PDB file of N, CA and C in Angstrom:
ATOM      1  N   MET A   1      56.796 -15.213 -39.557  1.00  0.00           N
ATOM      2  CA  MET A   1      55.546 -14.481 -39.506  1.00  0.00           C
ATOM      3  C   MET A   1      55.378 -13.616 -40.752  1.00  0.00           C
ATOM      4  N   ALA A   2      56.469 -12.976 -41.177  1.00  0.00           N
ATOM      5  CA  ALA A   2      56.389 -12.139 -42.373  1.00  0.00           C
ATOM      6  C   ALA A   2      55.970 -12.971 -43.579  1.00  0.00           C
ATOM      7  N   LYS A   3      56.544 -14.165 -43.731  1.00  0.00           N
ATOM      8  CA  LYS A   3      56.161 -15.028 -44.848  1.00  0.00           C
ATOM      9  C   LYS A   3      54.691 -15.400 -44.768  1.00  0.00           C
ATOM     10  N   GLN A   4      54.238 -15.719 -43.582  1.00  0.00           N
ATOM     11  CA  GLN A   4      52.833 -16.086 -43.418  1.00  0.00           C
ATOM     12  C   GLN A   4      51.936 -14.935 -43.845  1.00  0.00           C
ATOM     13  N   LEU A   5      52.257 -13.722 -43.411  1.00  0.00           N
ATOM     14  CA  LEU A   5      51.437 -12.565 -43.773  1.00  0.00           C
ATOM     15  C   LEU A   5      51.473 -12.313 -45.279  1.00  0.00           C
ATOM     16  N   TYR A   6      52.660 -12.414 -45.883  1.00  0.00           N
ATOM     17  CA  TYR A   6      52.786 -12.203 -47.325  1.00  0.00           C
ATOM     18  C   TYR A   6      52.017 -13.246 -48.116  1.00  0.00           C
ATOM     19  N   LEU A   7      52.176 -14.490 -47.725  1.00  0.00           N
ATOM     20  CA  LEU A   7      51.613 -15.588 -48.512  1.00  0.00           C
ATOM     21  C   LEU A   7      50.121 -15.765 -48.317  1.00  0.00           C
ATOM     22  N   PHE A   8      49.622 -15.609 -47.102  1.00  0.00           N
ATOM     23  CA  PHE A   8      48.218 -15.874 -46.842  1.00  0.00           C
ATOM     24  C   PHE A   8      47.361 -14.622 -46.787  1.00  0.00           C
ATOM     25  N   GLY A   9      47.954 -13.488 -46.514  1.00  0.00           N
ATOM     26  CA  GLY A   9      47.200 -12.240 -46.473  1.00  0.00           C
ATOM     27  C   GLY A   9      46.127 -12.197 -45.403  1.00  0.00           C
ATOM     28  N   ASP A  10      46.346 -12.911 -44.302  1.00  0.00           N
ATOM     29  CA  ASP A  10      45.361 -12.923 -43.214  1.00  0.00           C
ATOM     30  C   ASP A  10      45.193 -11.532 -42.610  1.00  0.00           C
ATOM     31  N   ASP A  11      43.987 -11.267 -42.125  1.00  0.00           N
ATOM     32  CA  ASP A  11      43.744 -10.023 -41.406  1.00  0.00           C
ATOM     33  C   ASP A  11      44.516 -10.049 -40.094  1.00  0.00           C
ATOM     34  N   VAL A  12      45.008  -8.894 -39.697  1.00  0.00           N
ATOM     35  CA  VAL A  12      45.749  -8.763 -38.446  1.00  0.00           C
ATOM     36  C   VAL A  12      45.114  -7.618 -37.674  1.00  0.00           C
ATOM     37  N   SER A  13      44.783  -7.873 -36.415  1.00  0.00           N
ATOM     38  CA  SER A  13      44.200  -6.815 -35.585  1.00  0.00           C
ATOM     39  C   SER A  13      45.254  -5.748 -35.310  1.00  0.00           C
ATOM     40  N   ALA A  14      44.787  -4.589 -34.882  1.00  0.00           N
ATOM     41  CA  ALA A  14      45.713  -3.505 -34.553  1.00  0.00           C
ATOM     42  C   ALA A  14      46.656  -3.920 -33.432  1.00  0.00           C
ATOM     43  N   ALA A  15      46.121  -4.572 -32.421  1.00  0.00           N
ATOM     44  CA  ALA A  15      46.956  -5.001 -31.294  1.00  0.00           C
ATOM     45  C   ALA A  15      48.011  -6.008 -31.757  1.00  0.00           C
ATOM     46  N   GLU A  16      47.607  -6.958 -32.627  1.00  0.00           N
ATOM     47  CA  GLU A  16      48.554  -7.951 -33.137  1.00  0.00           C
ATOM     48  C   GLU A  16      49.605  -7.282 -34.028  1.00  0.00           C
ATOM     49  N   ALA A  17      49.196  -6.334 -34.848  1.00  0.00           N
ATOM     50  CA  ALA A  17      50.148  -5.608 -35.699  1.00  0.00           C
ATOM     51  C   ALA A  17      51.177  -4.870 -34.848  1.00  0.00           C
ATOM     52  N   GLN A  18      50.734  -4.299 -33.739  1.00  0.00           N
ATOM     53  CA  GLN A  18      51.678  -3.611 -32.856  1.00  0.00           C
ATOM     54  C   GLN A  18      52.618  -4.613 -32.197  1.00  0.00           C
ATOM     55  N   ARG A  19      52.072  -5.754 -31.742  1.00  0.00           N
ATOM     56  CA  ARG A  19      52.899  -6.777 -31.109  1.00  0.00           C
ATOM     57  C   ARG A  19      53.961  -7.291 -32.069  1.00  0.00           C
ATOM     58  N   LEU A  20      53.622  -7.373 -33.357  1.00  0.00           N
ATOM     59  CA  LEU A  20      54.556  -7.857 -34.372  1.00  0.00           C
ATOM     60  C   LEU A  20      55.539  -6.781 -34.835  1.00  0.00           C
ATOM     61  N   GLY A  21      55.332  -5.550 -34.398  1.00  0.00           N
ATOM     62  CA  GLY A  21      56.214  -4.463 -34.813  1.00  0.00           C
ATOM     63  C   GLY A  21      55.875  -3.895 -36.175  1.00  0.00           C
ATOM     64  N   LEU A  22      54.656  -4.134 -36.638  1.00  0.00           N
ATOM     65  CA  LEU A  22      54.245  -3.622 -37.943  1.00  0.00           C
ATOM     66  C   LEU A  22      53.735  -2.193 -37.872  1.00  0.00           C
ATOM     67  N   VAL A  23      53.293  -1.784 -36.704  1.00  0.00           N
ATOM     68  CA  VAL A  23      52.825  -0.415 -36.493  1.00  0.00           C
ATOM     69  C   VAL A  23      53.509   0.152 -35.257  1.00  0.00           C
ATOM     70  N   LEU A  24      53.676   1.452 -35.239  1.00  0.00           N
ATOM     71  CA  LEU A  24      54.351   2.114 -34.137  1.00  0.00           C
ATOM     72  C   LEU A  24      53.424   2.313 -32.943  1.00  0.00           C
ATOM     73  N   HIS A  25      52.235   2.796 -33.223  1.00  0.00           N
ATOM     74  CA  HIS A  25      51.267   3.086 -32.167  1.00  0.00           C
ATOM     75  C   HIS A  25      49.889   2.601 -32.575  1.00  0.00           C
ATOM     76  N   VAL A  26      49.113   2.220 -31.586  1.00  0.00           N
ATOM     77  CA  VAL A  26      47.700   1.938 -31.770  1.00  0.00           C
ATOM     78  C   VAL A  26      46.969   2.910 -30.854  1.00  0.00           C
ATOM     79  N   ALA A  27      46.042   3.661 -31.428  1.00  0.00           N
ATOM     80  CA  ALA A  27      45.315   4.658 -30.651  1.00  0.00           C
ATOM     81  C   ALA A  27      43.827   4.498 -30.893  1.00  0.00           C
ATOM     82  N   PRO A  28      43.017   4.829 -29.899  1.00  0.00           N
ATOM     83  CA  PRO A  28      41.574   4.847 -30.123  1.00  0.00           C
ATOM     84  C   PRO A  28      41.247   5.826 -31.248  1.00  0.00           C
ATOM     85  N   GLN A  29      40.146   5.585 -31.953  1.00  0.00           N
ATOM     86  CA  GLN A  29      39.808   6.411 -33.109  1.00  0.00           C
ATOM     87  C   GLN A  29      39.804   7.902 -32.783  1.00  0.00           C
ATOM     88  N   ALA A  30      39.300   8.259 -31.624  1.00  0.00           N
ATOM     89  CA  ALA A  30      39.242   9.679 -31.244  1.00  0.00           C
ATOM     90  C   ALA A  30      40.623  10.282 -31.043  1.00  0.00           C
ATOM     91  N   GLU A  31      41.622   9.449 -30.799  1.00  0.00           N
ATOM     92  CA  GLU A  31      42.981   9.925 -30.551  1.00  0.00           C
ATOM     93  C   GLU A  31      43.889   9.780 -31.771  1.00  0.00           C
ATOM     94  N   THR A  32      43.364   9.317 -32.881  1.00  0.00           N
ATOM     95  CA  THR A  32      44.191   9.064 -34.064  1.00  0.00           C
ATOM     96  C   THR A  32      44.906  10.323 -34.547  1.00  0.00           C
ATOM     97  N   VAL A  33      44.158  11.381 -34.755  1.00  0.00           N
ATOM     98  CA  VAL A  33      44.758  12.618 -35.274  1.00  0.00           C
ATOM     99  C   VAL A  33      45.727  13.235 -34.263  1.00  0.00           C
ATOM    100  N   PRO A  34      45.347  13.386 -32.989  1.00  0.00           N
ATOM    101  CA  PRO A  34      46.322  13.926 -32.028  1.00  0.00           C
ATOM    102  C   PRO A  34      47.589  13.073 -31.924  1.00  0.00           C
ATOM    103  N   THR A  35      47.451  11.758 -31.980  1.00  0.00           N
ATOM    104  CA  THR A  35      48.624  10.883 -31.907  1.00  0.00           C
ATOM    105  C   THR A  35      49.506  11.079 -33.132  1.00  0.00           C
ATOM    106  N   ALA A  36      48.889  11.124 -34.319  1.00  0.00           N
ATOM    107  CA  ALA A  36      49.656  11.333 -35.550  1.00  0.00           C
ATOM    108  C   ALA A  36      50.351  12.691 -35.541  1.00  0.00           C
ATOM    109  N   LEU A  37      49.666  13.720 -35.072  1.00  0.00           N
ATOM    110  CA  LEU A  37      50.278  15.052 -35.004  1.00  0.00           C
ATOM    111  C   LEU A  37      51.444  15.087 -34.025  1.00  0.00           C
ATOM    112  N   ALA A  38      51.305  14.401 -32.904  1.00  0.00           N
ATOM    113  CA  ALA A  38      52.405  14.359 -31.928  1.00  0.00           C
ATOM    114  C   ALA A  38      53.633  13.679 -32.542  1.00  0.00           C
ATOM    115  N   LEU A  39      53.424  12.595 -33.274  1.00  0.00           N
ATOM    116  CA  LEU A  39      54.543  11.921 -33.938  1.00  0.00           C
ATOM    117  C   LEU A  39      55.153  12.812 -35.016  1.00  0.00           C
ATOM    118  N   ALA A  40      54.301  13.507 -35.779  1.00  0.00           N
ATOM    119  CA  ALA A  40      54.800  14.397 -36.829  1.00  0.00           C
ATOM    120  C   ALA A  40      55.616  15.546 -36.228  1.00  0.00           C
ATOM    121  N   ARG A  41      55.149  16.098 -35.133  1.00  0.00           N
ATOM    122  CA  ARG A  41      55.895  17.179 -34.468  1.00  0.00           C
ATOM    123  C   ARG A  41      57.255  16.673 -33.980  1.00  0.00           C
ATOM    124  N   ARG A  42      57.245  15.463 -33.461  1.00  0.00           N
ATOM    125  CA  ARG A  42      58.506  14.874 -32.977  1.00  0.00           C
ATOM    126  C   ARG A  42      59.499  14.709 -34.122  1.00  0.00           C
ATOM    127  N   LEU A  43      59.022  14.221 -35.257  1.00  0.00           N
ATOM    128  CA  LEU A  43      59.905  14.092 -36.423  1.00  0.00           C
ATOM    129  C   LEU A  43      60.372  15.465 -36.911  1.00  0.00           C
ATOM    130  N   ALA A  44      59.453  16.416 -36.973  1.00  0.00           N
ATOM    131  CA  ALA A  44      59.804  17.750 -37.471  1.00  0.00           C
ATOM    132  C   ALA A  44      60.820  18.439 -36.570  1.00  0.00           C
ATOM    133  N   ALA A  45      60.822  18.113 -35.285  1.00  0.00           N
ATOM    134  CA  ALA A  45      61.774  18.722 -34.353  1.00  0.00           C
ATOM    135  C   ALA A  45      63.135  18.039 -34.401  1.00  0.00           C
ATOM    136  N   GLY A  46      63.214  16.923 -35.094  1.00  0.00           N
ATOM    137  CA  GLY A  46      64.469  16.175 -35.169  1.00  0.00           C
ATOM    138  C   GLY A  46      65.379  16.674 -36.270  1.00  0.00           C
ATOM    139  N   PRO A  47      66.492  16.006 -36.463  1.00  0.00           N
ATOM    140  CA  PRO A  47      67.437  16.378 -37.526  1.00  0.00           C
ATOM    141  C   PRO A  47      66.896  15.904 -38.880  1.00  0.00           C
ATOM    142  N   THR A  48      66.103  16.741 -39.521  1.00  0.00           N
ATOM    143  CA  THR A  48      65.328  16.321 -40.688  1.00  0.00           C
ATOM    144  C   THR A  48      66.186  15.812 -41.849  1.00  0.00           C
ATOM    145  N   ARG A  49      67.337  16.404 -42.076  1.00  0.00           N
ATOM    146  CA  ARG A  49      68.202  15.903 -43.159  1.00  0.00           C
ATOM    147  C   ARG A  49      68.687  14.494 -42.843  1.00  0.00           C
ATOM    148  N   THR A  50      69.040  14.261 -41.593  1.00  0.00           N
ATOM    149  CA  THR A  50      69.482  12.934 -41.179  1.00  0.00           C
ATOM    150  C   THR A  50      68.341  11.936 -41.273  1.00  0.00           C
ATOM    151  N   LEU A  51      67.154  12.339 -40.847  1.00  0.00           N
ATOM    152  CA  LEU A  51      66.003  11.443 -40.938  1.00  0.00           C
ATOM    153  C   LEU A  51      65.694  11.098 -42.390  1.00  0.00           C
ATOM    154  N   GLY A  52      65.763  12.077 -43.282  1.00  0.00           N
ATOM    155  CA  GLY A  52      65.529  11.822 -44.704  1.00  0.00           C
ATOM    156  C   GLY A  52      66.572  10.882 -45.290  1.00  0.00           C
ATOM    157  N   ALA A  53      67.821  11.094 -44.924  1.00  0.00           N
ATOM    158  CA  ALA A  53      68.899  10.230 -45.415  1.00  0.00           C
ATOM    159  C   ALA A  53      68.728   8.812 -44.889  1.00  0.00           C
ATOM    160  N   THR A  54      68.337   8.696 -43.635  1.00  0.00           N
ATOM    161  CA  THR A  54      68.105   7.376 -43.048  1.00  0.00           C
ATOM    162  C   THR A  54      66.979   6.662 -43.776  1.00  0.00           C
ATOM    163  N   LYS A  55      65.914   7.371 -44.068  1.00  0.00           N
ATOM    164  CA  LYS A  55      64.787   6.786 -44.803  1.00  0.00           C
ATOM    165  C   LYS A  55      65.233   6.292 -46.175  1.00  0.00           C
ATOM    166  N   ARG A  56      66.021   7.104 -46.874  1.00  0.00           N
ATOM    167  CA  ARG A  56      66.523   6.680 -48.196  1.00  0.00           C
ATOM    168  C   ARG A  56      67.392   5.432 -48.083  1.00  0.00           C
ATOM    169  N   LEU A  57      68.270   5.379 -47.088  1.00  0.00           N
ATOM    170  CA  LEU A  57      69.129   4.204 -46.905  1.00  0.00           C
ATOM    171  C   LEU A  57      68.302   2.955 -46.615  1.00  0.00           C
ATOM    172  N   ILE A  58      67.293   3.094 -45.775  1.00  0.00           N
ATOM    173  CA  ILE A  58      66.431   1.949 -45.461  1.00  0.00           C
ATOM    174  C   ILE A  58      65.690   1.492 -46.715  1.00  0.00           C
ATOM    175  N   ASN A  59      65.158   2.445 -47.470  1.00  0.00           N
ATOM    176  CA  ASN A  59      64.408   2.089 -48.681  1.00  0.00           C
ATOM    177  C   ASN A  59      65.269   1.381 -49.708  1.00  0.00           C
ATOM    178  N   HIS A  60      66.573   1.642 -49.724  1.00  0.00           N
ATOM    179  CA  HIS A  60      67.479   1.026 -50.700  1.00  0.00           C
ATOM    180  C   HIS A  60      68.343  -0.081 -50.091  1.00  0.00           C
ATOM    181  N   ALA A  61      68.029  -0.488 -48.873  1.00  0.00           N
ATOM    182  CA  ALA A  61      68.889  -1.437 -48.159  1.00  0.00           C
ATOM    183  C   ALA A  61      69.024  -2.781 -48.861  1.00  0.00           C
ATOM    184  N   LEU A  62      68.034  -3.204 -49.593  1.00  0.00           N
ATOM    185  CA  LEU A  62      68.088  -4.524 -50.220  1.00  0.00           C
ATOM    186  C   LEU A  62      68.423  -4.462 -51.702  1.00  0.00           C
ATOM    187  N   GLY A  63      68.556  -3.272 -52.253  1.00  0.00           N
ATOM    188  CA  GLY A  63      68.815  -3.152 -53.684  1.00  0.00           C
ATOM    189  C   GLY A  63      70.284  -2.931 -54.002  1.00  0.00           C
ATOM    190  N   GLY A  64      70.676  -3.331 -55.178  1.00  0.00           N
ATOM    191  CA  GLY A  64      72.044  -3.095 -55.635  1.00  0.00           C
ATOM    192  C   GLY A  64      73.051  -4.037 -55.014  1.00  0.00           C
ATOM    193  N   ARG A  65      74.279  -3.791 -55.357  1.00  0.00           N
ATOM    194  CA  ARG A  65      75.377  -4.620 -54.859  1.00  0.00           C
ATOM    195  C   ARG A  65      75.789  -4.183 -53.454  1.00  0.00           C
ATOM    196  N   PRO A  66      76.247  -5.143 -52.657  1.00  0.00           N
ATOM    197  CA  PRO A  66      76.681  -4.788 -51.288  1.00  0.00           C
ATOM    198  C   PRO A  66      77.739  -3.692 -51.277  1.00  0.00           C
ATOM    199  N   ARG A  67      78.657  -3.726 -52.238  1.00  0.00           N
ATOM    200  CA  ARG A  67      79.716  -2.709 -52.300  1.00  0.00           C
ATOM    201  C   ARG A  67      79.110  -1.326 -52.512  1.00  0.00           C
ATOM    202  N   HIS A  68      78.081  -1.240 -53.370  1.00  0.00           N
ATOM    203  CA  HIS A  68      77.447   0.050 -53.630  1.00  0.00           C
ATOM    204  C   HIS A  68      76.656   0.529 -52.416  1.00  0.00           C
ATOM    205  N   ARG A  69      76.020  -0.412 -51.710  1.00  0.00           N
ATOM    206  CA  ARG A  69      75.295  -0.026 -50.499  1.00  0.00           C
ATOM    207  C   ARG A  69      76.265   0.510 -49.453  1.00  0.00           C
ATOM    208  N   ALA A  70      77.420  -0.119 -49.325  1.00  0.00           N
ATOM    209  CA  ALA A  70      78.427   0.348 -48.353  1.00  0.00           C
ATOM    210  C   ALA A  70      78.919   1.737 -48.727  1.00  0.00           C
ATOM    211  N   ARG A  71      79.145   1.959 -50.008  1.00  0.00           N
ATOM    212  CA  ARG A  71      79.576   3.303 -50.448  1.00  0.00           C
ATOM    213  C   ARG A  71      78.500   4.337 -50.170  1.00  0.00           C
ATOM    214  N   ARG A  72      77.251   3.980 -50.436  1.00  0.00           N
ATOM    215  CA  ARG A  72      76.146   4.917 -50.202  1.00  0.00           C
ATOM    216  C   ARG A  72      76.058   5.260 -48.715  1.00  0.00           C
ATOM    217  N   ARG A  73      76.200   4.253 -47.855  1.00  0.00           N
ATOM    218  CA  ARG A  73      76.161   4.515 -46.408  1.00  0.00           C
ATOM    219  C   ARG A  73      77.319   5.416 -45.986  1.00  0.00           C
ATOM    220  N   ALA A  74      78.497   5.127 -46.483  1.00  0.00           N
ATOM    221  CA  ALA A  74      79.674   5.931 -46.113  1.00  0.00           C
ATOM    222  C   ALA A  74      79.515   7.366 -46.599  1.00  0.00           C
ATOM    223  N   TRP A  75      79.069   7.535 -47.844  1.00  0.00           N
ATOM    224  CA  TRP A  75      78.879   8.878 -48.387  1.00  0.00           C
ATOM    225  C   TRP A  75      77.821   9.625 -47.588  1.00  0.00           C
ATOM    226  N   THR A  76      76.742   8.941 -47.257  1.00  0.00           N
ATOM    227  CA  THR A  76      75.662   9.583 -46.494  1.00  0.00           C
ATOM    228  C   THR A  76      76.156  10.006 -45.122  1.00  0.00           C
ATOM    229  N   GLN A  77      76.870   9.120 -44.460  1.00  0.00           N
ATOM    230  CA  GLN A  77      77.377   9.457 -43.125  1.00  0.00           C
ATOM    231  C   GLN A  77      78.323  10.645 -43.196  1.00  0.00           C
ATOM    232  N   GLU A  78      79.203  10.642 -44.180  1.00  0.00           N
ATOM    233  CA  GLU A  78      80.148  11.759 -44.322  1.00  0.00           C
ATOM    234  C   GLU A  78      79.420  13.069 -44.577  1.00  0.00           C
ATOM    235  N   SER A  79      78.418  13.046 -45.446  1.00  0.00           N
ATOM    236  CA  SER A  79      77.716  14.287 -45.763  1.00  0.00           C
ATOM    237  C   SER A  79      76.869  14.772 -44.588  1.00  0.00           C
ATOM    238  N   ILE A  80      76.280  13.871 -43.854  1.00  0.00           N
ATOM    239  CA  ILE A  80      75.451  14.265 -42.711  1.00  0.00           C
ATOM    240  C   ILE A  80      76.306  14.814 -41.571  1.00  0.00           C
ATOM    241  N   MET A  81      77.486  14.245 -41.360  1.00  0.00           N
ATOM    242  CA  MET A  81      78.335  14.677 -40.247  1.00  0.00           C
ATOM    243  C   MET A  81      78.862  16.099 -40.425  1.00  0.00           C
ATOM    244  N   THR A  82      78.711  16.663 -41.620  1.00  0.00           N
ATOM    245  CA  THR A  82      79.179  18.033 -41.847  1.00  0.00           C
ATOM    246  C   THR A  82      78.064  19.064 -41.664  1.00  0.00           C
ATOM    247  N   THR A  83      76.867  18.616 -41.284  1.00  0.00           N
ATOM    248  CA  THR A  83      75.751  19.550 -41.157  1.00  0.00           C
ATOM    249  C   THR A  83      75.769  20.247 -39.798  1.00  0.00           C
ATOM    250  N   ALA A  84      75.101  21.381 -39.755  1.00  0.00           N
ATOM    251  CA  ALA A  84      74.966  22.110 -38.486  1.00  0.00           C
ATOM    252  C   ALA A  84      74.173  21.283 -37.480  1.00  0.00           C
ATOM    253  N   ASP A  85      73.191  20.528 -37.957  1.00  0.00           N
ATOM    254  CA  ASP A  85      72.414  19.698 -37.039  1.00  0.00           C
ATOM    255  C   ASP A  85      73.272  18.622 -36.383  1.00  0.00           C
ATOM    256  N   ALA A  86      74.198  18.041 -37.127  1.00  0.00           N
ATOM    257  CA  ALA A  86      75.087  17.032 -36.547  1.00  0.00           C
ATOM    258  C   ALA A  86      75.950  17.663 -35.458  1.00  0.00           C
ATOM    259  N   GLN A  87      76.474  18.837 -35.739  1.00  0.00           N
ATOM    260  CA  GLN A  87      77.284  19.529 -34.736  1.00  0.00           C
ATOM    261  C   GLN A  87      76.440  19.883 -33.512  1.00  0.00           C
ATOM    262  N   GLU A  88      75.201  20.300 -33.746  1.00  0.00           N
ATOM    263  CA  GLU A  88      74.292  20.616 -32.637  1.00  0.00           C
ATOM    264  C   GLU A  88      74.008  19.364 -31.815  1.00  0.00           C
ATOM    265  N   GLY A  89      73.819  18.238 -32.456  1.00  0.00           N
ATOM    266  CA  GLY A  89      73.574  16.990 -31.743  1.00  0.00           C
ATOM    267  C   GLY A  89      74.726  16.610 -30.840  1.00  0.00           C
ATOM    268  N   VAL A  90      75.942  16.741 -31.349  1.00  0.00           N
ATOM    269  CA  VAL A  90      77.129  16.423 -30.545  1.00  0.00           C
ATOM    270  C   VAL A  90      77.242  17.388 -29.372  1.00  0.00           C
ATOM    271  N   GLN A  91      77.086  18.681 -29.651  1.00  0.00           N
ATOM    272  CA  GLN A  91      77.184  19.682 -28.576  1.00  0.00           C
ATOM    273  C   GLN A  91      76.126  19.456 -27.501  1.00  0.00           C
ATOM    274  N   ALA A  92      74.908  19.158 -27.925  1.00  0.00           N
ATOM    275  CA  ALA A  92      73.835  18.917 -26.958  1.00  0.00           C
ATOM    276  C   ALA A  92      74.142  17.692 -26.111  1.00  0.00           C
ATOM    277  N   PHE A  93      74.700  16.665 -26.724  1.00  0.00           N
ATOM    278  CA  PHE A  93      75.063  15.457 -25.980  1.00  0.00           C
ATOM    279  C   PHE A  93      76.138  15.764 -24.940  1.00  0.00           C
ATOM    280  N   VAL A  94      77.173  16.475 -25.365  1.00  0.00           N
ATOM    281  CA  VAL A  94      78.273  16.816 -24.466  1.00  0.00           C
ATOM    282  C   VAL A  94      77.773  17.709 -23.327  1.00  0.00           C
ATOM    283  N   GLN A  95      76.894  18.636 -23.664  1.00  0.00           N
ATOM    284  CA  GLN A  95      76.375  19.576 -22.663  1.00  0.00           C
ATOM    285  C   GLN A  95      75.168  19.027 -21.897  1.00  0.00           C
ATOM    286  N   ARG A  96      74.772  17.809 -22.216  1.00  0.00           N
ATOM    287  CA  ARG A  96      73.639  17.134 -21.549  1.00  0.00           C
ATOM    288  C   ARG A  96      72.368  17.972 -21.601  1.00  0.00           C
ATOM    289  N   ARG A  97      72.036  18.408 -22.817  1.00  0.00           N
ATOM    290  CA  ARG A  97      70.818  19.199 -23.012  1.00  0.00           C
ATOM    291  C   ARG A  97      70.065  18.676 -24.233  1.00  0.00           C
ATOM    292  N   THR A  98      68.864  19.105 -24.397  1.00  0.00           N
ATOM    293  CA  THR A  98      68.056  18.721 -25.537  1.00  0.00           C
ATOM    294  C   THR A  98      68.539  19.485 -26.765  1.00  0.00           C
ATOM    295  N   PRO A  99      68.816  18.802 -27.875  1.00  0.00           N
ATOM    296  CA  PRO A  99      69.276  19.515 -29.065  1.00  0.00           C
ATOM    297  C   PRO A  99      68.157  20.331 -29.709  1.00  0.00           C
ATOM    298  N   VAL A 100      68.548  21.387 -30.377  1.00  0.00           N
ATOM    299  CA  VAL A 100      67.616  22.208 -31.141  1.00  0.00           C
ATOM    300  C   VAL A 100      68.071  22.124 -32.597  1.00  0.00           C
ATOM    301  N   PHE A 101      67.385  21.299 -33.369  1.00  0.00           N
ATOM    302  CA  PHE A 101      67.758  21.095 -34.766  1.00  0.00           C
ATOM    303  C   PHE A 101      67.056  22.115 -35.653  1.00  0.00           C
ATOM    304  N   ARG A 102      67.745  22.525 -36.726  1.00  0.00           N
ATOM    305  CA  ARG A 102      67.217  23.540 -37.625  1.00  0.00           C
ATOM    306  C   ARG A 102      67.024  23.035 -39.059  1.00  0.00           C
ATOM    307  N   GLY A 103      67.413  21.808 -39.312  1.00  0.00           N
ATOM    308  CA  GLY A 103      67.208  21.262 -40.651  1.00  0.00           C
ATOM    309  C   GLY A 103      68.333  21.552 -41.626  1.00  0.00           C
ATOM    310  N   TRP A 104      69.503  21.979 -41.126  1.00  0.00           N
ATOM    311  CA  TRP A 104      70.643  22.244 -42.000  1.00  0.00           C
ATOM    312  C   TRP A 104      71.933  21.932 -41.305  1.00  0.00           C
TER     313      TRP A 104
END
């Protein structure tokens, strides 16, 4: 399907894009801004350093040598596991509560 979309550039409806996993949510026009804000709030409440690192890893997943990608993943995991948010995530899991991330 990805090849077909790349090669032919056919229009895809919102519902079809969601079915294909190309979009996260489809909302009526009147709900677009509230839906986007709810998603943004959810991201902002998460472990932002971890989310940023994950985004960088995904963006570079196909570039460079496999050995370098493995090193980058290992370095990222090591650096993230030393953050206060990582410790908060573990504690919240053990205590069966919702974590409160602070971005550090």
